[in-house]
Amino acid sequence: MEERAMEEQKCTGDHSMHICALAEANKMHVVKQLTTEPNYMCIYCGRAADLDDNLCKPVHIDVIELDEVEL
């Protein structure tokens, strides 16, 4: 997948409530509330959230394959 600048990427829903926009606005108290039990990951930025509504391009974490985890 070709990487693109965030401005070029299309997201759905209310972007002001996406984790990336909230973090950029330094609303970390809101981010904390929306990430207590993450089930989704954004394929644009890698951020995680409880609900898919809070990410630009969400994918459920169960469909993400881990090639290898280095500890």
PDB file of N, CA and C in Angstrom:
ATOM      1  N   MET A   1       0.839  -1.172   0.000  1.00  0.00           N
ATOM      2  CA  MET A   1       0.000   0.000   0.000  1.00  0.00           C
ATOM      3  C   MET A   1       0.888   1.241   0.000  1.00  0.00           C
ATOM      4  N   GLU A   2       0.623   2.158  -0.880  1.00  0.00           N
ATOM      5  CA  GLU A   2       1.401   3.378  -0.993  1.00  0.00           C
ATOM      6  C   GLU A   2       1.053   4.323   0.147  1.00  0.00           C
ATOM      7  N   GLU A   3       2.105   4.885   0.790  1.00  0.00           N
ATOM      8  CA  GLU A   3       1.856   5.821   1.883  1.00  0.00           C
ATOM      9  C   GLU A   3       1.491   7.179   1.310  1.00  0.00           C
ATOM     10  N   ARG A   4       0.533   7.818   1.952  1.00  0.00           N
ATOM     11  CA  ARG A   4       0.093   9.149   1.542  1.00  0.00           C
ATOM     12  C   ARG A   4       0.055  10.066   2.744  1.00  0.00           C
ATOM     13  N   ALA A   5       0.181  11.354   2.500  1.00  0.00           N
ATOM     14  CA  ALA A   5       0.068  12.331   3.578  1.00  0.00           C
ATOM     15  C   ALA A   5      -1.348  12.289   4.130  1.00  0.00           C
ATOM     16  N   MET A   6      -1.522  12.586   5.399  1.00  0.00           N
ATOM     17  CA  MET A   6      -2.828  12.519   6.044  1.00  0.00           C
ATOM     18  C   MET A   6      -3.846  13.392   5.326  1.00  0.00           C
ATOM     19  N   GLU A   7      -3.419  14.542   4.790  1.00  0.00           N
ATOM     20  CA  GLU A   7      -4.357  15.424   4.118  1.00  0.00           C
ATOM     21  C   GLU A   7      -4.964  14.768   2.876  1.00  0.00           C
ATOM     22  N   GLU A   8      -4.224  13.848   2.243  1.00  0.00           N
ATOM     23  CA  GLU A   8      -4.685  13.205   1.020  1.00  0.00           C
ATOM     24  C   GLU A   8      -5.611  12.032   1.293  1.00  0.00           C
ATOM     25  N   GLN A   9      -5.647  11.546   2.519  1.00  0.00           N
ATOM     26  CA  GLN A   9      -6.425  10.368   2.842  1.00  0.00           C
ATOM     27  C   GLN A   9      -7.855  10.759   3.164  1.00  0.00           C
ATOM     28  N   LYS A  10      -8.773   9.904   2.786  1.00  0.00           N
ATOM     29  CA  LYS A  10     -10.194  10.146   3.043  1.00  0.00           C
ATOM     30  C   LYS A  10     -10.617   9.336   4.262  1.00  0.00           C
ATOM     31  N   CYS A  11     -11.348   9.970   5.136  1.00  0.00           N
ATOM     32  CA  CYS A  11     -11.876   9.245   6.278  1.00  0.00           C
ATOM     33  C   CYS A  11     -13.378   9.447   6.316  1.00  0.00           C
ATOM     34  N   THR A  12     -14.034   8.627   7.115  1.00  0.00           N
ATOM     35  CA  THR A  12     -15.478   8.708   7.217  1.00  0.00           C
ATOM     36  C   THR A  12     -15.865   9.228   8.590  1.00  0.00           C
ATOM     37  N   GLY A  13     -17.054   9.722   8.702  1.00  0.00           N
ATOM     38  CA  GLY A  13     -17.562  10.163   9.991  1.00  0.00           C
ATOM     39  C   GLY A  13     -17.072  11.536  10.399  1.00  0.00           C
ATOM     40  N   ASP A  14     -17.236  11.838  11.665  1.00  0.00           N
ATOM     41  CA  ASP A  14     -16.869  13.123  12.252  1.00  0.00           C
ATOM     42  C   ASP A  14     -15.382  13.106  12.594  1.00  0.00           C
ATOM     43  N   HIS A  15     -14.551  13.687  11.719  1.00  0.00           N
ATOM     44  CA  HIS A  15     -13.102  13.633  11.922  1.00  0.00           C
ATOM     45  C   HIS A  15     -12.677  14.284  13.241  1.00  0.00           C
ATOM     46  N   SER A  16     -13.443  15.237  13.739  1.00  0.00           N
ATOM     47  CA  SER A  16     -13.065  15.897  14.985  1.00  0.00           C
ATOM     48  C   SER A  16     -13.084  14.939  16.171  1.00  0.00           C
ATOM     49  N   MET A  17     -13.762  13.805  16.033  1.00  0.00           N
ATOM     50  CA  MET A  17     -13.804  12.797  17.099  1.00  0.00           C
ATOM     51  C   MET A  17     -12.911  11.602  16.810  1.00  0.00           C
ATOM     52  N   HIS A  18     -12.068  11.700  15.789  1.00  0.00           N
ATOM     53  CA  HIS A  18     -11.098  10.646  15.513  1.00  0.00           C
ATOM     54  C   HIS A  18      -9.885  10.843  16.420  1.00  0.00           C
ATOM     55  N   ILE A  19      -9.281   9.735  16.834  1.00  0.00           N
ATOM     56  CA  ILE A  19      -8.169   9.777  17.777  1.00  0.00           C
ATOM     57  C   ILE A  19      -7.053  10.684  17.276  1.00  0.00           C
ATOM     58  N   CYS A  20      -6.738  10.655  15.987  1.00  0.00           N
ATOM     59  CA  CYS A  20      -5.663  11.494  15.448  1.00  0.00           C
ATOM     60  C   CYS A  20      -5.978  12.980  15.616  1.00  0.00           C
ATOM     61  N   ALA A  21      -7.213  13.382  15.361  1.00  0.00           N
ATOM     62  CA  ALA A  21      -7.602  14.790  15.498  1.00  0.00           C
ATOM     63  C   ALA A  21      -7.623  15.202  16.970  1.00  0.00           C
ATOM     64  N   LEU A  22      -8.089  14.326  17.834  1.00  0.00           N
ATOM     65  CA  LEU A  22      -8.124  14.630  19.261  1.00  0.00           C
ATOM     66  C   LEU A  22      -6.713  14.772  19.820  1.00  0.00           C
ATOM     67  N   ALA A  23      -5.798  13.889  19.398  1.00  0.00           N
ATOM     68  CA  ALA A  23      -4.414  13.978  19.864  1.00  0.00           C
ATOM     69  C   ALA A  23      -3.757  15.248  19.346  1.00  0.00           C
ATOM     70  N   GLU A  24      -4.015  15.589  18.101  1.00  0.00           N
ATOM     71  CA  GLU A  24      -3.459  16.811  17.529  1.00  0.00           C
ATOM     72  C   GLU A  24      -3.964  18.048  18.277  1.00  0.00           C
ATOM     73  N   ALA A  25      -5.206  17.984  18.753  1.00  0.00           N
ATOM     74  CA  ALA A  25      -5.790  19.093  19.520  1.00  0.00           C
ATOM     75  C   ALA A  25      -5.406  19.022  21.001  1.00  0.00           C
ATOM     76  N   ASN A  26      -4.528  18.075  21.346  1.00  0.00           N
ATOM     77  CA  ASN A  26      -4.054  17.885  22.715  1.00  0.00           C
ATOM     78  C   ASN A  26      -5.198  17.587  23.692  1.00  0.00           C
ATOM     79  N   LYS A  27      -6.185  16.838  23.240  1.00  0.00           N
ATOM     80  CA  LYS A  27      -7.312  16.436  24.087  1.00  0.00           C
ATOM     81  C   LYS A  27      -7.086  15.000  24.576  1.00  0.00           C
ATOM     82  N   MET A  28      -5.977  14.824  25.272  1.00  0.00           N
ATOM     83  CA  MET A  28      -5.567  13.492  25.689  1.00  0.00           C
ATOM     84  C   MET A  28      -6.528  12.870  26.692  1.00  0.00           C
ATOM     85  N   HIS A  29      -7.257  13.680  27.464  1.00  0.00           N
ATOM     86  CA  HIS A  29      -8.248  13.130  28.399  1.00  0.00           C
ATOM     87  C   HIS A  29      -9.383  12.438  27.633  1.00  0.00           C
ATOM     88  N   VAL A  30      -9.724  12.958  26.462  1.00  0.00           N
ATOM     89  CA  VAL A  30     -10.751  12.320  25.625  1.00  0.00           C
ATOM     90  C   VAL A  30     -10.184  11.065  24.977  1.00  0.00           C
ATOM     91  N   VAL A  31      -8.947  11.151  24.485  1.00  0.00           N
ATOM     92  CA  VAL A  31      -8.289   9.987  23.885  1.00  0.00           C
ATOM     93  C   VAL A  31      -8.250   8.840  24.889  1.00  0.00           C
ATOM     94  N   LYS A  32      -7.912   9.142  26.115  1.00  0.00           N
ATOM     95  CA  LYS A  32      -7.852   8.116  27.166  1.00  0.00           C
ATOM     96  C   LYS A  32      -9.196   7.413  27.336  1.00  0.00           C
ATOM     97  N   GLN A  33     -10.286   8.179  27.298  1.00  0.00           N
ATOM     98  CA  GLN A  33     -11.622   7.601  27.455  1.00  0.00           C
ATOM     99  C   GLN A  33     -12.007   6.710  26.279  1.00  0.00           C
ATOM    100  N   LEU A  34     -11.495   7.010  25.097  1.00  0.00           N
ATOM    101  CA  LEU A  34     -11.873   6.277  23.884  1.00  0.00           C
ATOM    102  C   LEU A  34     -10.964   5.097  23.573  1.00  0.00           C
ATOM    103  N   THR A  35      -9.970   4.866  24.443  1.00  0.00           N
ATOM    104  CA  THR A  35      -9.002   3.806  24.163  1.00  0.00           C
ATOM    105  C   THR A  35      -8.786   2.873  25.351  1.00  0.00           C
ATOM    106  N   THR A  36      -9.817   2.630  26.120  1.00  0.00           N
ATOM    107  CA  THR A  36      -9.669   1.778  27.305  1.00  0.00           C
ATOM    108  C   THR A  36      -9.592   0.297  26.958  1.00  0.00           C
ATOM    109  N   GLU A  37     -10.342  -0.123  25.929  1.00  0.00           N
ATOM    110  CA  GLU A  37     -10.326  -1.514  25.470  1.00  0.00           C
ATOM    111  C   GLU A  37     -10.344  -1.519  23.935  1.00  0.00           C
ATOM    112  N   PRO A  38      -9.210  -1.190  23.330  1.00  0.00           N
ATOM    113  CA  PRO A  38      -9.175  -1.040  21.870  1.00  0.00           C
ATOM    114  C   PRO A  38      -9.510  -2.325  21.117  1.00  0.00           C
ATOM    115  N   ASN A  39     -10.402  -2.179  20.146  1.00  0.00           N
ATOM    116  CA  ASN A  39     -10.788  -3.288  19.275  1.00  0.00           C
ATOM    117  C   ASN A  39     -10.495  -2.996  17.812  1.00  0.00           C
ATOM    118  N   TYR A  40     -10.161  -1.743  17.501  1.00  0.00           N
ATOM    119  CA  TYR A  40      -9.929  -1.328  16.128  1.00  0.00           C
ATOM    120  C   TYR A  40      -8.609  -0.582  16.010  1.00  0.00           C
ATOM    121  N   MET A  41      -7.992  -0.691  14.829  1.00  0.00           N
ATOM    122  CA  MET A  41      -6.766   0.019  14.540  1.00  0.00           C
ATOM    123  C   MET A  41      -6.927   0.764  13.221  1.00  0.00           C
ATOM    124  N   CYS A  42      -6.392   1.970  13.153  1.00  0.00           N
ATOM    125  CA  CYS A  42      -6.440   2.765  11.925  1.00  0.00           C
ATOM    126  C   CYS A  42      -5.313   2.313  11.002  1.00  0.00           C
ATOM    127  N   ILE A  43      -5.640   2.000   9.760  1.00  0.00           N
ATOM    128  CA  ILE A  43      -4.596   1.568   8.840  1.00  0.00           C
ATOM    129  C   ILE A  43      -3.809   2.748   8.283  1.00  0.00           C
ATOM    130  N   TYR A  44      -4.242   3.976   8.535  1.00  0.00           N
ATOM    131  CA  TYR A  44      -3.480   5.157   8.122  1.00  0.00           C
ATOM    132  C   TYR A  44      -2.376   5.485   9.119  1.00  0.00           C
ATOM    133  N   CYS A  45      -2.725   5.543  10.415  1.00  0.00           N
ATOM    134  CA  CYS A  45      -1.761   6.033  11.405  1.00  0.00           C
ATOM    135  C   CYS A  45      -1.371   5.011  12.467  1.00  0.00           C
ATOM    136  N   GLY A  46      -2.103   3.891  12.541  1.00  0.00           N
ATOM    137  CA  GLY A  46      -1.772   2.861  13.521  1.00  0.00           C
ATOM    138  C   GLY A  46      -2.344   3.093  14.904  1.00  0.00           C
ATOM    139  N   ARG A  47      -3.092   4.162  15.076  1.00  0.00           N
ATOM    140  CA  ARG A  47      -3.711   4.394  16.376  1.00  0.00           C
ATOM    141  C   ARG A  47      -4.826   3.373  16.614  1.00  0.00           C
ATOM    142  N   ALA A  48      -5.147   3.130  17.891  1.00  0.00           N
ATOM    143  CA  ALA A  48      -6.168   2.153  18.248  1.00  0.00           C
ATOM    144  C   ALA A  48      -7.283   2.836  19.038  1.00  0.00           C
ATOM    145  N   ALA A  49      -8.484   2.273  18.945  1.00  0.00           N
ATOM    146  CA  ALA A  49      -9.641   2.815  19.654  1.00  0.00           C
ATOM    147  C   ALA A  49     -10.632   1.702  19.964  1.00  0.00           C
ATOM    148  N   ASP A  50     -11.480   1.973  20.945  1.00  0.00           N
ATOM    149  CA  ASP A  50     -12.522   1.011  21.315  1.00  0.00           C
ATOM    150  C   ASP A  50     -13.528   0.822  20.175  1.00  0.00           C
ATOM    151  N   LEU A  51     -13.921   1.927  19.536  1.00  0.00           N
ATOM    152  CA  LEU A  51     -14.946   1.902  18.492  1.00  0.00           C
ATOM    153  C   LEU A  51     -14.370   2.344  17.152  1.00  0.00           C
ATOM    154  N   ASP A  52     -14.891   1.795  16.085  1.00  0.00           N
ATOM    155  CA  ASP A  52     -14.414   2.162  14.754  1.00  0.00           C
ATOM    156  C   ASP A  52     -14.763   3.607  14.392  1.00  0.00           C
ATOM    157  N   ASP A  53     -15.764   4.176  15.031  1.00  0.00           N
ATOM    158  CA  ASP A  53     -16.162   5.564  14.769  1.00  0.00           C
ATOM    159  C   ASP A  53     -15.078   6.577  15.114  1.00  0.00           C
ATOM    160  N   ASN A  54     -14.093   6.172  15.901  1.00  0.00           N
ATOM    161  CA  ASN A  54     -13.064   7.098  16.352  1.00  0.00           C
ATOM    162  C   ASN A  54     -11.757   6.976  15.573  1.00  0.00           C
ATOM    163  N   LEU A  55     -11.820   6.359  14.399  1.00  0.00           N
ATOM    164  CA  LEU A  55     -10.641   6.209  13.548  1.00  0.00           C
ATOM    165  C   LEU A  55     -10.979   6.549  12.106  1.00  0.00           C
ATOM    166  N   CYS A  56      -9.991   7.040  11.368  1.00  0.00           N
ATOM    167  CA  CYS A  56     -10.210   7.434   9.970  1.00  0.00           C
ATOM    168  C   CYS A  56     -10.451   6.223   9.060  1.00  0.00           C
ATOM    169  N   LYS A  57      -9.623   5.211   9.188  1.00  0.00           N
ATOM    170  CA  LYS A  57      -9.730   4.015   8.341  1.00  0.00           C
ATOM    171  C   LYS A  57      -9.566   2.790   9.243  1.00  0.00           C
ATOM    172  N   PRO A  58     -10.635   2.449   9.982  1.00  0.00           N
ATOM    173  CA  PRO A  58     -10.528   1.374  10.974  1.00  0.00           C
ATOM    174  C   PRO A  58     -10.579  -0.030  10.381  1.00  0.00           C
ATOM    175  N   VAL A  59      -9.890  -0.928  11.069  1.00  0.00           N
ATOM    176  CA  VAL A  59      -9.971  -2.356  10.789  1.00  0.00           C
ATOM    177  C   VAL A  59      -9.989  -3.054  12.146  1.00  0.00           C
ATOM    178  N   HIS A  60     -10.822  -4.085  12.274  1.00  0.00           N
ATOM    179  CA  HIS A  60     -10.909  -4.804  13.543  1.00  0.00           C
ATOM    180  C   HIS A  60      -9.588  -5.514  13.795  1.00  0.00           C
ATOM    181  N   ILE A  61      -9.121  -5.485  15.034  1.00  0.00           N
ATOM    182  CA  ILE A  61      -7.808  -6.052  15.340  1.00  0.00           C
ATOM    183  C   ILE A  61      -7.745  -7.561  15.109  1.00  0.00           C
ATOM    184  N   ASP A  62      -8.883  -8.224  15.108  1.00  0.00           N
ATOM    185  CA  ASP A  62      -8.881  -9.671  14.872  1.00  0.00           C
ATOM    186  C   ASP A  62      -8.469 -10.037  13.453  1.00  0.00           C
ATOM    187  N   VAL A  63      -8.566  -9.102  12.519  1.00  0.00           N
ATOM    188  CA  VAL A  63      -8.189  -9.416  11.128  1.00  0.00           C
ATOM    189  C   VAL A  63      -6.760  -8.990  10.800  1.00  0.00           C
ATOM    190  N   ILE A  64      -6.080  -8.360  11.778  1.00  0.00           N
ATOM    191  CA  ILE A  64      -4.690  -7.955  11.568  1.00  0.00           C
ATOM    192  C   ILE A  64      -3.802  -9.147  11.877  1.00  0.00           C
ATOM    193  N   GLU A  65      -2.950  -9.497  10.938  1.00  0.00           N
ATOM    194  CA  GLU A  65      -2.041 -10.610  11.128  1.00  0.00           C
ATOM    195  C   GLU A  65      -0.705 -10.097  11.638  1.00  0.00           C
ATOM    196  N   LEU A  66      -0.186 -10.762  12.631  1.00  0.00           N
ATOM    197  CA  LEU A  66       1.120 -10.414  13.162  1.00  0.00           C
ATOM    198  C   LEU A  66       2.164 -11.316  12.518  1.00  0.00           C
ATOM    199  N   ASP A  67       3.090 -10.728  11.778  1.00  0.00           N
ATOM    200  CA  ASP A  67       4.153 -11.517  11.151  1.00  0.00           C
ATOM    201  C   ASP A  67       5.111 -12.030  12.225  1.00  0.00           C
ATOM    202  N   GLU A  68       5.556 -11.105  13.051  1.00  0.00           N
ATOM    203  CA  GLU A  68       6.481 -11.476  14.110  1.00  0.00           C
ATOM    204  C   GLU A  68       6.495 -10.340  15.125  1.00  0.00           C
ATOM    205  N   VAL A  69       6.506 -10.682  16.357  1.00  0.00           N
ATOM    206  CA  VAL A  69       6.561  -9.672  17.414  1.00  0.00           C
ATOM    207  C   VAL A  69       7.927  -9.765  18.066  1.00  0.00           C
ATOM    208  N   GLU A  70       8.653  -8.649  18.050  1.00  0.00           N
ATOM    209  CA  GLU A  70       9.961  -8.603  18.693  1.00  0.00           C
ATOM    210  C   GLU A  70       9.808  -7.976  20.076  1.00  0.00           C
ATOM    211  N   LEU A  71      10.347  -8.602  21.069  1.00  0.00           N
ATOM    212  CA  LEU A  71      10.298  -8.071  22.430  1.00  0.00           C
ATOM    213  C   LEU A  71      11.664  -7.630  22.853  1.00  0.00           C
TER     214      LEU A  71
END
